[in-house]
Amino acid sequence: MKIIAIILGYLKWHYGKAIFSIIQIWKNFLFFVFEFFSVKLLFKNFFDPWKKMSDTYPKNFDFKKYTYTFITNLIVRVVGILMRSGLIIIGLVSYLIMILLYPIVLMLWLFLPLIVIFLIYSGLFLIFS
């Protein structure tokens, strides 16, 4: 009789409290992925130079030095845009993967007791056949 109470208690936890815990854990995973790749910050600083590298323009106007500085700053900004674009894409793809994995994990959790019973039955069948 005690084993039935344990099984019912487990099923109550498994399909009750644990489901809400999984939802909270998944929200934390989504928050982590978004913050880990700093997607919001990358969008905010999208056009900034890469690693804040830039040349200062000369005080006296010299066309050659001015052009050199302009091209250098332009290249550094393009590199920054390309690197941030890559990181944003990786971050958004990771976020999308986490969203797509959620229903799979939830369904696996819901069917886990049946899967365990099936695996125990299959193991016993293989041992005794």
N, C-alpha and C. Protein backbone atom coordinates (compact mmCIF):
# COMPACT_ATOMS: atom_id res chain seq x y z
N MET A 1 0.82 -1.20 0.00
CA MET A 1 0.00 0.00 0.00
C MET A 1 0.86 1.27 0.00
N LYS A 2 2.02 1.15 0.69
CA LYS A 2 2.91 2.29 0.75
C LYS A 2 3.53 2.59 -0.62
N ILE A 3 3.80 1.56 -1.41
CA ILE A 3 4.38 1.75 -2.74
C ILE A 3 3.42 2.50 -3.65
N ILE A 4 2.13 2.26 -3.50
CA ILE A 4 1.13 2.98 -4.30
C ILE A 4 1.12 4.46 -3.92
N ALA A 5 1.26 4.76 -2.64
CA ALA A 5 1.32 6.16 -2.21
C ALA A 5 2.57 6.85 -2.76
N ILE A 6 3.68 6.12 -2.78
CA ILE A 6 4.92 6.69 -3.33
C ILE A 6 4.77 6.96 -4.82
N ILE A 7 4.20 6.00 -5.55
CA ILE A 7 4.01 6.17 -6.99
C ILE A 7 3.06 7.33 -7.28
N LEU A 8 1.97 7.41 -6.53
CA LEU A 8 1.02 8.52 -6.74
C LEU A 8 1.65 9.86 -6.39
N GLY A 9 2.46 9.89 -5.33
CA GLY A 9 3.15 11.12 -4.97
C GLY A 9 4.13 11.55 -6.05
N TYR A 10 4.83 10.55 -6.61
CA TYR A 10 5.77 10.86 -7.69
C TYR A 10 5.03 11.41 -8.91
N LEU A 11 3.94 10.75 -9.28
CA LEU A 11 3.19 11.20 -10.46
C LEU A 11 2.60 12.59 -10.24
N LYS A 12 2.18 12.86 -9.01
CA LYS A 12 1.65 14.19 -8.69
C LYS A 12 2.75 15.24 -8.85
N TRP A 13 3.95 14.92 -8.37
CA TRP A 13 5.07 15.84 -8.53
C TRP A 13 5.48 15.95 -10.00
N HIS A 14 5.57 14.82 -10.68
CA HIS A 14 6.05 14.78 -12.05
C HIS A 14 5.16 15.59 -12.99
N TYR A 15 3.86 15.46 -12.82
CA TYR A 15 2.92 16.17 -13.71
C TYR A 15 2.40 17.47 -13.11
N GLY A 16 2.84 17.83 -11.94
CA GLY A 16 2.40 19.06 -11.31
C GLY A 16 3.53 20.07 -11.16
N LYS A 17 4.22 19.96 -10.04
CA LYS A 17 5.26 20.92 -9.69
C LYS A 17 6.42 20.92 -10.69
N ALA A 18 6.79 19.75 -11.17
CA ALA A 18 7.94 19.66 -12.08
C ALA A 18 7.67 20.36 -13.40
N ILE A 19 6.44 20.30 -13.88
CA ILE A 19 6.10 20.99 -15.14
C ILE A 19 6.32 22.49 -15.00
N PHE A 20 5.89 23.06 -13.90
CA PHE A 20 6.08 24.50 -13.68
C PHE A 20 7.56 24.83 -13.50
N SER A 21 8.30 23.92 -12.88
CA SER A 21 9.74 24.12 -12.75
C SER A 21 10.43 24.09 -14.10
N ILE A 22 10.02 23.18 -14.98
CA ILE A 22 10.60 23.11 -16.32
C ILE A 22 10.33 24.40 -17.08
N ILE A 23 9.13 24.95 -16.95
CA ILE A 23 8.80 26.21 -17.63
C ILE A 23 9.70 27.33 -17.11
N GLN A 24 9.91 27.39 -15.81
CA GLN A 24 10.77 28.43 -15.24
C GLN A 24 12.22 28.24 -15.67
N ILE A 25 12.68 27.01 -15.68
CA ILE A 25 14.05 26.72 -16.11
C ILE A 25 14.24 27.12 -17.57
N TRP A 26 13.23 26.84 -18.40
CA TRP A 26 13.34 27.18 -19.81
C TRP A 26 13.37 28.70 -20.02
N LYS A 27 12.60 29.42 -19.22
CA LYS A 27 12.67 30.89 -19.30
C LYS A 27 14.08 31.36 -18.96
N ASN A 28 14.70 30.73 -17.96
CA ASN A 28 16.07 31.09 -17.59
C ASN A 28 17.05 30.77 -18.72
N PHE A 29 16.86 29.63 -19.39
CA PHE A 29 17.71 29.28 -20.53
C PHE A 29 17.59 30.33 -21.64
N LEU A 30 16.36 30.72 -21.94
CA LEU A 30 16.15 31.71 -23.00
C LEU A 30 16.80 33.05 -22.63
N PHE A 31 16.64 33.46 -21.38
CA PHE A 31 17.26 34.70 -20.91
C PHE A 31 18.78 34.59 -21.01
N PHE A 32 19.33 33.43 -20.60
CA PHE A 32 20.77 33.24 -20.65
C PHE A 32 21.31 33.35 -22.07
N VAL A 33 20.66 32.69 -23.02
CA VAL A 33 21.14 32.71 -24.40
C VAL A 33 21.12 34.13 -24.94
N PHE A 34 20.04 34.87 -24.66
CA PHE A 34 19.93 36.23 -25.17
C PHE A 34 21.00 37.13 -24.55
N GLU A 35 21.26 36.95 -23.25
CA GLU A 35 22.27 37.77 -22.58
C GLU A 35 23.69 37.31 -22.91
N PHE A 36 23.89 36.01 -23.11
CA PHE A 36 25.22 35.49 -23.40
C PHE A 36 25.76 36.07 -24.70
N PHE A 37 24.92 36.17 -25.70
CA PHE A 37 25.35 36.73 -26.98
C PHE A 37 25.17 38.25 -27.03
N SER A 38 24.64 38.86 -26.00
CA SER A 38 24.46 40.32 -25.90
C SER A 38 23.80 40.90 -27.14
N VAL A 39 22.73 40.28 -27.57
CA VAL A 39 22.08 40.69 -28.82
C VAL A 39 21.60 42.14 -28.74
N LYS A 40 21.02 42.51 -27.63
CA LYS A 40 20.51 43.88 -27.49
C LYS A 40 21.65 44.89 -27.56
N LEU A 41 22.76 44.60 -26.88
CA LEU A 41 23.92 45.49 -26.90
C LEU A 41 24.56 45.53 -28.28
N LEU A 42 24.60 44.39 -28.96
CA LEU A 42 25.18 44.37 -30.31
C LEU A 42 24.37 45.21 -31.28
N PHE A 43 23.05 45.19 -31.15
CA PHE A 43 22.22 46.05 -32.00
C PHE A 43 22.45 47.53 -31.66
N LYS A 44 22.63 47.81 -30.37
CA LYS A 44 22.81 49.20 -29.95
C LYS A 44 24.13 49.77 -30.48
N ASN A 45 25.18 48.95 -30.53
CA ASN A 45 26.50 49.41 -30.97
C ASN A 45 26.84 48.89 -32.36
N PHE A 46 25.85 48.68 -33.18
CA PHE A 46 26.04 48.01 -34.46
C PHE A 46 27.04 48.71 -35.37
N PHE A 47 27.03 50.04 -35.41
CA PHE A 47 27.87 50.79 -36.34
C PHE A 47 29.16 51.30 -35.70
N ASP A 48 29.44 50.92 -34.47
CA ASP A 48 30.68 51.34 -33.82
C ASP A 48 31.87 50.60 -34.42
N PRO A 49 33.06 51.20 -34.31
CA PRO A 49 34.25 50.50 -34.82
C PRO A 49 34.52 49.23 -34.00
N TRP A 50 35.15 48.26 -34.65
CA TRP A 50 35.46 47.00 -33.98
C TRP A 50 36.53 47.25 -32.91
N LYS A 51 36.24 46.79 -31.70
CA LYS A 51 37.15 46.93 -30.54
C LYS A 51 37.54 48.39 -30.29
N LYS A 52 36.68 49.31 -30.66
CA LYS A 52 36.90 50.76 -30.48
C LYS A 52 38.19 51.25 -31.13
N MET A 53 38.63 50.54 -32.15
CA MET A 53 39.85 50.93 -32.87
C MET A 53 39.49 51.99 -33.90
N SER A 54 40.16 53.11 -33.84
CA SER A 54 39.96 54.14 -34.86
C SER A 54 41.14 55.11 -34.79
N ASP A 55 41.42 55.73 -35.91
CA ASP A 55 42.46 56.76 -35.97
C ASP A 55 41.81 58.13 -35.79
N THR A 56 42.59 59.04 -35.26
CA THR A 56 42.10 60.41 -35.14
C THR A 56 42.55 61.18 -36.38
N TYR A 57 41.73 62.09 -36.79
CA TYR A 57 42.04 62.88 -37.97
C TYR A 57 43.13 63.91 -37.63
N PRO A 58 43.99 64.19 -38.58
CA PRO A 58 45.07 65.15 -38.31
C PRO A 58 44.51 66.56 -38.09
N LYS A 59 45.25 67.34 -37.27
CA LYS A 59 44.80 68.71 -36.98
C LYS A 59 44.98 69.60 -38.21
N ASN A 60 46.07 69.44 -38.87
CA ASN A 60 46.29 70.21 -40.11
C ASN A 60 45.76 69.38 -41.27
N PHE A 61 45.06 70.05 -42.16
CA PHE A 61 44.45 69.31 -43.27
C PHE A 61 45.52 68.87 -44.26
N ASP A 62 45.67 67.55 -44.34
CA ASP A 62 46.55 66.93 -45.32
C ASP A 62 45.72 65.87 -46.01
N PHE A 63 45.47 66.05 -47.30
CA PHE A 63 44.54 65.18 -48.01
C PHE A 63 44.94 63.71 -47.91
N LYS A 64 46.22 63.42 -48.01
CA LYS A 64 46.69 62.04 -47.98
C LYS A 64 46.44 61.41 -46.60
N LYS A 65 46.80 62.12 -45.53
CA LYS A 65 46.58 61.60 -44.18
C LYS A 65 45.08 61.53 -43.85
N TYR A 66 44.35 62.52 -44.30
CA TYR A 66 42.90 62.56 -44.07
C TYR A 66 42.22 61.36 -44.75
N THR A 67 42.61 61.10 -46.00
CA THR A 67 42.05 59.96 -46.75
C THR A 67 42.44 58.64 -46.10
N TYR A 68 43.70 58.53 -45.69
CA TYR A 68 44.17 57.32 -45.01
C TYR A 68 43.36 57.06 -43.74
N THR A 69 43.16 58.10 -42.94
CA THR A 69 42.39 57.96 -41.69
C THR A 69 40.95 57.59 -41.98
N PHE A 70 40.37 58.24 -43.00
CA PHE A 70 38.98 57.95 -43.36
C PHE A 70 38.82 56.48 -43.79
N ILE A 71 39.70 56.01 -44.65
CA ILE A 71 39.62 54.62 -45.13
C ILE A 71 39.86 53.63 -43.99
N THR A 72 40.83 53.94 -43.13
CA THR A 72 41.10 53.06 -41.98
C THR A 72 39.88 52.98 -41.07
N ASN A 73 39.28 54.12 -40.75
CA ASN A 73 38.09 54.12 -39.89
C ASN A 73 36.92 53.41 -40.57
N LEU A 74 36.80 53.58 -41.88
CA LEU A 74 35.73 52.90 -42.62
C LEU A 74 35.91 51.39 -42.57
N ILE A 75 37.14 50.93 -42.78
CA ILE A 75 37.42 49.49 -42.74
C ILE A 75 37.13 48.92 -41.36
N VAL A 76 37.54 49.63 -40.32
CA VAL A 76 37.32 49.16 -38.95
C VAL A 76 35.82 49.10 -38.64
N ARG A 77 35.07 50.05 -39.14
CA ARG A 77 33.61 50.02 -38.94
C ARG A 77 32.96 48.87 -39.71
N VAL A 78 33.41 48.62 -40.92
CA VAL A 78 32.87 47.51 -41.71
C VAL A 78 33.18 46.18 -41.02
N VAL A 79 34.40 46.05 -40.51
CA VAL A 79 34.76 44.83 -39.76
C VAL A 79 33.85 44.70 -38.54
N GLY A 80 33.60 45.80 -37.85
CA GLY A 80 32.71 45.77 -36.68
C GLY A 80 31.31 45.35 -37.06
N ILE A 81 30.81 45.86 -38.17
CA ILE A 81 29.47 45.49 -38.63
C ILE A 81 29.41 44.01 -38.98
N LEU A 82 30.44 43.52 -39.67
CA LEU A 82 30.45 42.11 -40.05
C LEU A 82 30.54 41.19 -38.82
N MET A 83 31.40 41.52 -37.89
CA MET A 83 31.55 40.70 -36.68
C MET A 83 30.27 40.72 -35.85
N ARG A 84 29.70 41.90 -35.67
CA ARG A 84 28.46 41.98 -34.89
C ARG A 84 27.31 41.27 -35.60
N SER A 85 27.27 41.36 -36.92
CA SER A 85 26.23 40.65 -37.67
C SER A 85 26.34 39.15 -37.45
N GLY A 86 27.57 38.64 -37.51
CA GLY A 86 27.78 37.22 -37.27
C GLY A 86 27.36 36.81 -35.87
N LEU A 87 27.73 37.61 -34.88
CA LEU A 87 27.35 37.28 -33.50
C LEU A 87 25.85 37.38 -33.29
N ILE A 88 25.22 38.36 -33.91
CA ILE A 88 23.77 38.49 -33.79
C ILE A 88 23.08 37.29 -34.42
N ILE A 89 23.55 36.88 -35.59
CA ILE A 89 22.95 35.71 -36.25
C ILE A 89 23.12 34.46 -35.40
N ILE A 90 24.32 34.25 -34.88
CA ILE A 90 24.56 33.08 -34.02
C ILE A 90 23.67 33.13 -32.79
N GLY A 91 23.55 34.31 -32.18
CA GLY A 91 22.70 34.45 -30.99
C GLY A 91 21.23 34.19 -31.29
N LEU A 92 20.74 34.73 -32.40
CA LEU A 92 19.33 34.53 -32.74
C LEU A 92 19.04 33.09 -33.14
N VAL A 93 19.99 32.45 -33.84
CA VAL A 93 19.81 31.03 -34.18
C VAL A 93 19.81 30.18 -32.92
N SER A 94 20.69 30.48 -31.97
CA SER A 94 20.71 29.75 -30.70
C SER A 94 19.40 29.94 -29.94
N TYR A 95 18.89 31.15 -29.96
CA TYR A 95 17.61 31.45 -29.30
C TYR A 95 16.48 30.67 -29.97
N LEU A 96 16.49 30.62 -31.29
CA LEU A 96 15.48 29.87 -32.04
C LEU A 96 15.56 28.37 -31.74
N ILE A 97 16.77 27.85 -31.67
CA ILE A 97 16.95 26.43 -31.33
C ILE A 97 16.39 26.15 -29.94
N MET A 98 16.64 27.04 -28.99
CA MET A 98 16.10 26.84 -27.64
C MET A 98 14.56 26.86 -27.67
N ILE A 99 13.99 27.73 -28.46
CA ILE A 99 12.53 27.78 -28.56
C ILE A 99 11.99 26.50 -29.19
N LEU A 100 12.66 26.00 -30.22
CA LEU A 100 12.20 24.78 -30.90
C LEU A 100 12.42 23.53 -30.05
N LEU A 101 13.42 23.54 -29.18
CA LEU A 101 13.67 22.37 -28.33
C LEU A 101 12.68 22.27 -27.17
N TYR A 102 12.06 23.38 -26.80
CA TYR A 102 11.16 23.39 -25.65
C TYR A 102 10.02 22.38 -25.78
N PRO A 103 9.27 22.34 -26.88
CA PRO A 103 8.18 21.35 -26.96
C PRO A 103 8.70 19.91 -26.94
N ILE A 104 9.87 19.69 -27.51
CA ILE A 104 10.43 18.33 -27.52
C ILE A 104 10.77 17.90 -26.09
N VAL A 105 11.42 18.77 -25.35
CA VAL A 105 11.77 18.45 -23.96
C VAL A 105 10.52 18.27 -23.12
N LEU A 106 9.52 19.11 -23.33
CA LEU A 106 8.28 19.00 -22.56
C LEU A 106 7.55 17.70 -22.86
N MET A 107 7.48 17.33 -24.14
CA MET A 107 6.82 16.07 -24.49
C MET A 107 7.60 14.88 -23.95
N LEU A 108 8.92 14.94 -24.01
CA LEU A 108 9.74 13.88 -23.45
C LEU A 108 9.50 13.75 -21.95
N TRP A 109 9.38 14.87 -21.27
CA TRP A 109 9.12 14.85 -19.83
C TRP A 109 7.75 14.25 -19.53
N LEU A 110 6.76 14.58 -20.34
CA LEU A 110 5.41 14.06 -20.11
C LEU A 110 5.34 12.55 -20.30
N PHE A 111 6.09 12.04 -21.27
CA PHE A 111 6.05 10.60 -21.56
C PHE A 111 7.15 9.82 -20.86
N LEU A 112 7.96 10.46 -20.06
CA LEU A 112 9.08 9.81 -19.41
C LEU A 112 8.68 8.62 -18.53
N PRO A 113 7.63 8.69 -17.70
CA PRO A 113 7.26 7.51 -16.92
C PRO A 113 6.89 6.32 -17.80
N LEU A 114 6.18 6.58 -18.91
CA LEU A 114 5.85 5.48 -19.82
C LEU A 114 7.09 4.91 -20.50
N ILE A 115 8.02 5.78 -20.83
CA ILE A 115 9.26 5.33 -21.45
C ILE A 115 10.05 4.45 -20.49
N VAL A 116 10.12 4.85 -19.23
CA VAL A 116 10.84 4.06 -18.22
C VAL A 116 10.19 2.70 -18.04
N ILE A 117 8.87 2.67 -17.95
CA ILE A 117 8.17 1.39 -17.79
C ILE A 117 8.42 0.51 -19.02
N PHE A 118 8.35 1.08 -20.20
CA PHE A 118 8.61 0.32 -21.42
C PHE A 118 10.03 -0.23 -21.44
N LEU A 119 11.00 0.59 -21.04
CA LEU A 119 12.40 0.13 -21.05
C LEU A 119 12.63 -0.97 -20.01
N ILE A 120 12.00 -0.86 -18.85
CA ILE A 120 12.13 -1.93 -17.84
C ILE A 120 11.50 -3.21 -18.37
N TYR A 121 10.32 -3.10 -18.94
CA TYR A 121 9.64 -4.29 -19.51
C TYR A 121 10.49 -4.91 -20.62
N SER A 122 11.04 -4.08 -21.50
CA SER A 122 11.86 -4.60 -22.60
C SER A 122 13.12 -5.27 -22.07
N GLY A 123 13.74 -4.70 -21.04
CA GLY A 123 14.92 -5.29 -20.45
C GLY A 123 14.62 -6.63 -19.81
N LEU A 124 13.52 -6.70 -19.07
CA LEU A 124 13.15 -7.96 -18.44
C LEU A 124 12.80 -9.02 -19.50
N PHE A 125 12.15 -8.58 -20.56
CA PHE A 125 11.81 -9.51 -21.64
C PHE A 125 13.08 -10.06 -22.29
N LEU A 126 14.07 -9.19 -22.51
CA LEU A 126 15.32 -9.64 -23.12
C LEU A 126 16.11 -10.55 -22.18
N ILE A 127 16.06 -10.29 -20.89
CA ILE A 127 16.79 -11.13 -19.94
C ILE A 127 16.20 -12.52 -19.86
N PHE A 128 14.87 -12.61 -19.81
CA PHE A 128 14.22 -13.89 -19.58
C PHE A 128 13.78 -14.61 -20.85
N SER A 129 14.14 -14.10 -22.01
CA SER A 129 13.77 -14.82 -23.22
C SER A 129 14.95 -15.55 -23.83
